[in-house]
Amino acid sequence: MSVIEMIEFTTLPDTTTESLETALLALDEELASLGGLVSRELFRVDGADNAWLLDYRWASLETAQRSMGAVSESAVFGSLMALVASPETMKLTYGVPATA
């Protein structure tokens, strides 16, 4: 079963797309080493300044939750979070396949 993890967040005003992608690529490497990461894509929120959507695809819900928990204290994750304007306003949503 494939799972979608969507994360909505806002970055600090001086954060560039390039600096955000650099931080995300480093995090991708850590997440991939834990297993279960299928893909990650970054989107800008249309019509909103410094607002982003991260679309992660995972092999399972358990893998998604375990992997993000495992890296939450890492220096790489800290570097990414340093770009986020208000971490407490981040929104995390998981999507699982609808059953027939």
N, C-alpha and C. Protein backbone atom coordinates (compact mmCIF):
# COMPACT_ATOMS: atom_id res chain seq x y z
N MET A 1 0.84 -1.17 0.00
CA MET A 1 0.00 0.00 0.00
C MET A 1 0.89 1.24 0.00
N SER A 2 0.65 2.14 -0.91
CA SER A 2 1.38 3.39 -0.99
C SER A 2 0.65 4.45 -0.17
N VAL A 3 1.41 5.36 0.45
CA VAL A 3 0.84 6.40 1.31
C VAL A 3 1.37 7.76 0.87
N ILE A 4 0.51 8.76 0.92
CA ILE A 4 0.90 10.14 0.64
C ILE A 4 1.02 10.88 1.96
N GLU A 5 2.08 11.64 2.10
CA GLU A 5 2.25 12.53 3.24
C GLU A 5 2.36 13.95 2.69
N MET A 6 1.42 14.81 3.04
CA MET A 6 1.42 16.20 2.59
C MET A 6 1.75 17.09 3.77
N ILE A 7 2.69 18.00 3.56
CA ILE A 7 3.10 18.94 4.61
C ILE A 7 2.97 20.35 4.04
N GLU A 8 2.17 21.16 4.72
CA GLU A 8 2.01 22.57 4.35
C GLU A 8 2.81 23.41 5.33
N PHE A 9 3.58 24.37 4.80
CA PHE A 9 4.38 25.23 5.67
C PHE A 9 4.73 26.52 4.97
N THR A 10 5.21 27.48 5.74
CA THR A 10 5.65 28.77 5.23
C THR A 10 7.10 28.98 5.64
N THR A 11 7.89 29.47 4.71
CA THR A 11 9.30 29.73 5.01
C THR A 11 9.51 31.21 5.35
N LEU A 12 10.66 31.46 5.93
CA LEU A 12 11.05 32.84 6.21
C LEU A 12 11.14 33.62 4.90
N PRO A 13 10.87 34.92 4.91
CA PRO A 13 10.82 35.70 3.67
C PRO A 13 12.07 35.64 2.81
N ASP A 14 13.25 35.50 3.39
CA ASP A 14 14.49 35.49 2.60
C ASP A 14 14.89 34.10 2.11
N THR A 15 14.05 33.10 2.33
CA THR A 15 14.36 31.73 1.89
C THR A 15 14.13 31.61 0.39
N THR A 16 15.13 31.14 -0.33
CA THR A 16 15.00 30.94 -1.78
C THR A 16 14.59 29.50 -2.07
N THR A 17 14.07 29.29 -3.24
CA THR A 17 13.72 27.94 -3.68
C THR A 17 14.97 27.05 -3.65
N GLU A 18 16.10 27.60 -4.05
CA GLU A 18 17.34 26.83 -4.10
C GLU A 18 17.78 26.41 -2.70
N SER A 19 17.71 27.32 -1.73
CA SER A 19 18.14 26.95 -0.38
C SER A 19 17.19 25.93 0.24
N LEU A 20 15.91 26.05 -0.06
CA LEU A 20 14.94 25.07 0.43
C LEU A 20 15.19 23.71 -0.20
N GLU A 21 15.42 23.67 -1.50
CA GLU A 21 15.69 22.40 -2.18
C GLU A 21 16.98 21.77 -1.66
N THR A 22 18.00 22.56 -1.39
CA THR A 22 19.25 22.03 -0.86
C THR A 22 19.02 21.35 0.48
N ALA A 23 18.26 22.01 1.35
CA ALA A 23 17.95 21.42 2.66
C ALA A 23 17.10 20.16 2.51
N LEU A 24 16.17 20.17 1.58
CA LEU A 24 15.31 19.00 1.37
C LEU A 24 16.09 17.82 0.78
N LEU A 25 17.01 18.09 -0.11
CA LEU A 25 17.82 17.01 -0.68
C LEU A 25 18.65 16.31 0.39
N ALA A 26 19.19 17.08 1.32
CA ALA A 26 19.95 16.48 2.42
C ALA A 26 19.03 15.62 3.29
N LEU A 27 17.82 16.11 3.56
CA LEU A 27 16.86 15.33 4.33
C LEU A 27 16.44 14.07 3.57
N ASP A 28 16.25 14.21 2.26
CA ASP A 28 15.89 13.05 1.43
C ASP A 28 16.91 11.92 1.59
N GLU A 29 18.18 12.27 1.63
CA GLU A 29 19.23 11.25 1.77
C GLU A 29 19.08 10.50 3.09
N GLU A 30 18.82 11.24 4.17
CA GLU A 30 18.62 10.58 5.47
C GLU A 30 17.38 9.70 5.46
N LEU A 31 16.29 10.21 4.90
CA LEU A 31 15.05 9.44 4.87
C LEU A 31 15.21 8.19 4.00
N ALA A 32 15.87 8.33 2.87
CA ALA A 32 16.06 7.18 1.98
C ALA A 32 16.90 6.10 2.64
N SER A 33 17.84 6.50 3.47
CA SER A 33 18.69 5.50 4.14
C SER A 33 17.89 4.67 5.15
N LEU A 34 16.76 5.19 5.60
CA LEU A 34 15.92 4.45 6.55
C LEU A 34 14.98 3.47 5.84
N GLY A 35 14.77 3.66 4.56
CA GLY A 35 13.92 2.77 3.77
C GLY A 35 12.47 3.22 3.74
N GLY A 36 11.80 2.90 2.65
CA GLY A 36 10.38 3.16 2.52
C GLY A 36 10.01 4.43 1.79
N LEU A 37 10.97 5.34 1.58
CA LEU A 37 10.68 6.57 0.84
C LEU A 37 10.60 6.25 -0.65
N VAL A 38 9.48 6.61 -1.25
CA VAL A 38 9.29 6.36 -2.68
C VAL A 38 9.68 7.60 -3.48
N SER A 39 9.17 8.77 -3.06
CA SER A 39 9.48 10.01 -3.78
C SER A 39 9.12 11.22 -2.92
N ARG A 40 9.61 12.38 -3.37
CA ARG A 40 9.29 13.65 -2.72
C ARG A 40 9.23 14.73 -3.78
N GLU A 41 8.21 15.57 -3.71
CA GLU A 41 8.08 16.68 -4.64
C GLU A 41 7.68 17.94 -3.88
N LEU A 42 8.27 19.07 -4.26
CA LEU A 42 8.00 20.35 -3.63
C LEU A 42 7.13 21.19 -4.55
N PHE A 43 6.09 21.81 -3.97
CA PHE A 43 5.19 22.69 -4.72
C PHE A 43 5.09 24.03 -4.01
N ARG A 44 4.94 25.10 -4.78
CA ARG A 44 4.59 26.41 -4.23
C ARG A 44 3.08 26.47 -4.11
N VAL A 45 2.59 27.10 -3.05
CA VAL A 45 1.15 27.32 -2.92
C VAL A 45 0.80 28.51 -3.80
N ASP A 46 -0.11 28.32 -4.72
CA ASP A 46 -0.50 29.36 -5.66
C ASP A 46 -1.13 30.54 -4.93
N GLY A 47 -0.63 31.73 -5.19
CA GLY A 47 -1.20 32.95 -4.63
C GLY A 47 -0.80 33.26 -3.21
N ALA A 48 0.16 32.55 -2.65
CA ALA A 48 0.59 32.79 -1.27
C ALA A 48 2.11 32.97 -1.24
N ASP A 49 2.56 34.00 -0.55
CA ASP A 49 4.00 34.25 -0.44
C ASP A 49 4.64 33.26 0.52
N ASN A 50 5.76 32.69 0.10
CA ASN A 50 6.58 31.81 0.95
C ASN A 50 5.84 30.58 1.47
N ALA A 51 4.77 30.18 0.80
CA ALA A 51 3.99 29.02 1.24
C ALA A 51 4.28 27.84 0.32
N TRP A 52 4.41 26.66 0.93
CA TRP A 52 4.86 25.47 0.21
C TRP A 52 4.04 24.25 0.59
N LEU A 53 4.04 23.28 -0.31
CA LEU A 53 3.49 21.95 -0.06
C LEU A 53 4.57 20.93 -0.38
N LEU A 54 4.79 20.02 0.53
CA LEU A 54 5.69 18.90 0.29
C LEU A 54 4.84 17.66 0.10
N ASP A 55 5.09 16.94 -0.96
CA ASP A 55 4.36 15.71 -1.26
C ASP A 55 5.35 14.56 -1.17
N TYR A 56 5.26 13.82 -0.07
CA TYR A 56 6.08 12.61 0.10
C TYR A 56 5.24 11.39 -0.24
N ARG A 57 5.85 10.42 -0.88
CA ARG A 57 5.22 9.12 -1.13
C ARG A 57 6.02 8.07 -0.39
N TRP A 58 5.31 7.23 0.36
CA TRP A 58 5.94 6.22 1.21
C TRP A 58 5.38 4.84 0.90
N ALA A 59 6.15 3.83 1.23
CA ALA A 59 5.71 2.44 1.04
C ALA A 59 4.56 2.09 1.97
N SER A 60 4.53 2.69 3.17
CA SER A 60 3.45 2.39 4.12
C SER A 60 3.31 3.54 5.12
N LEU A 61 2.19 3.60 5.79
CA LEU A 61 1.96 4.62 6.81
C LEU A 61 2.95 4.46 7.96
N GLU A 62 3.20 3.23 8.36
CA GLU A 62 4.14 2.97 9.45
C GLU A 62 5.54 3.46 9.10
N THR A 63 5.97 3.22 7.87
CA THR A 63 7.29 3.67 7.43
C THR A 63 7.38 5.20 7.44
N ALA A 64 6.33 5.85 6.98
CA ALA A 64 6.31 7.32 6.95
C ALA A 64 6.45 7.88 8.36
N GLN A 65 5.66 7.39 9.26
CA GLN A 65 5.68 7.90 10.63
C GLN A 65 7.00 7.58 11.35
N ARG A 66 7.49 6.40 11.17
CA ARG A 66 8.74 5.99 11.81
C ARG A 66 9.92 6.78 11.26
N SER A 67 9.98 6.97 9.95
CA SER A 67 11.10 7.65 9.33
C SER A 67 11.17 9.12 9.73
N MET A 68 10.05 9.81 9.70
CA MET A 68 10.06 11.21 10.07
C MET A 68 10.40 11.38 11.55
N GLY A 69 9.93 10.47 12.37
CA GLY A 69 10.28 10.51 13.79
C GLY A 69 11.77 10.29 14.01
N ALA A 70 12.36 9.41 13.20
CA ALA A 70 13.78 9.08 13.35
C ALA A 70 14.70 10.24 12.99
N VAL A 71 14.28 11.09 12.05
CA VAL A 71 15.16 12.19 11.64
C VAL A 71 14.83 13.51 12.34
N SER A 72 13.78 13.54 13.13
CA SER A 72 13.32 14.81 13.71
C SER A 72 14.33 15.48 14.63
N GLU A 73 15.29 14.73 15.14
CA GLU A 73 16.32 15.31 16.01
C GLU A 73 17.66 15.49 15.30
N SER A 74 17.72 15.22 14.02
CA SER A 74 18.99 15.28 13.30
C SER A 74 19.37 16.72 12.93
N ALA A 75 20.66 16.93 12.68
CA ALA A 75 21.16 18.25 12.27
C ALA A 75 20.58 18.64 10.92
N VAL A 76 20.41 17.68 10.03
CA VAL A 76 19.85 17.95 8.71
C VAL A 76 18.42 18.47 8.83
N PHE A 77 17.63 17.82 9.68
CA PHE A 77 16.26 18.27 9.91
C PHE A 77 16.27 19.66 10.54
N GLY A 78 17.18 19.91 11.46
CA GLY A 78 17.31 21.22 12.07
C GLY A 78 17.62 22.31 11.06
N SER A 79 18.47 21.99 10.09
CA SER A 79 18.79 22.95 9.03
C SER A 79 17.56 23.30 8.19
N LEU A 80 16.74 22.31 7.92
CA LEU A 80 15.50 22.55 7.19
C LEU A 80 14.54 23.39 8.02
N MET A 81 14.37 23.04 9.27
CA MET A 81 13.44 23.75 10.14
C MET A 81 13.86 25.20 10.37
N ALA A 82 15.14 25.50 10.24
CA ALA A 82 15.63 26.86 10.39
C ALA A 82 15.09 27.78 9.28
N LEU A 83 14.60 27.19 8.20
CA LEU A 83 14.02 27.96 7.09
C LEU A 83 12.53 28.19 7.25
N VAL A 84 11.91 27.49 8.19
CA VAL A 84 10.46 27.55 8.37
C VAL A 84 10.10 28.72 9.27
N ALA A 85 9.11 29.51 8.83
CA ALA A 85 8.73 30.73 9.56
C ALA A 85 8.09 30.43 10.91
N SER A 86 7.13 29.56 10.94
CA SER A 86 6.40 29.24 12.19
C SER A 86 6.15 27.75 12.23
N PRO A 87 7.11 26.99 12.75
CA PRO A 87 6.95 25.53 12.76
C PRO A 87 5.65 25.04 13.39
N GLU A 88 5.12 25.76 14.37
CA GLU A 88 3.89 25.33 15.03
C GLU A 88 2.67 25.42 14.11
N THR A 89 2.80 26.13 12.98
CA THR A 89 1.66 26.24 12.05
C THR A 89 1.74 25.22 10.91
N MET A 90 2.79 24.41 10.89
CA MET A 90 2.90 23.39 9.85
C MET A 90 1.73 22.43 9.94
N LYS A 91 1.23 22.00 8.78
CA LYS A 91 0.12 21.06 8.74
C LYS A 91 0.58 19.77 8.06
N LEU A 92 0.37 18.67 8.73
CA LEU A 92 0.78 17.36 8.23
C LEU A 92 -0.47 16.49 8.04
N THR A 93 -0.60 15.93 6.84
CA THR A 93 -1.75 15.08 6.52
C THR A 93 -1.25 13.83 5.81
N TYR A 94 -1.78 12.68 6.23
CA TYR A 94 -1.48 11.42 5.54
C TYR A 94 -2.70 11.00 4.74
N GLY A 95 -2.44 10.46 3.56
CA GLY A 95 -3.51 9.92 2.72
C GLY A 95 -3.20 8.45 2.42
N VAL A 96 -4.19 7.63 2.62
CA VAL A 96 -4.06 6.20 2.31
C VAL A 96 -5.05 5.87 1.19
N PRO A 97 -4.78 4.83 0.42
CA PRO A 97 -5.68 4.50 -0.68
C PRO A 97 -7.10 4.21 -0.20
N ALA A 98 -8.04 4.72 -0.95
CA ALA A 98 -9.44 4.43 -0.66
C ALA A 98 -9.73 2.98 -1.06
N THR A 99 -10.49 2.29 -0.27
CA THR A 99 -10.84 0.92 -0.60
C THR A 99 -12.11 0.89 -1.43
N ALA A 100 -12.19 -0.08 -2.27
CA ALA A 100 -13.36 -0.20 -3.15
C ALA A 100 -14.58 -0.70 -2.41
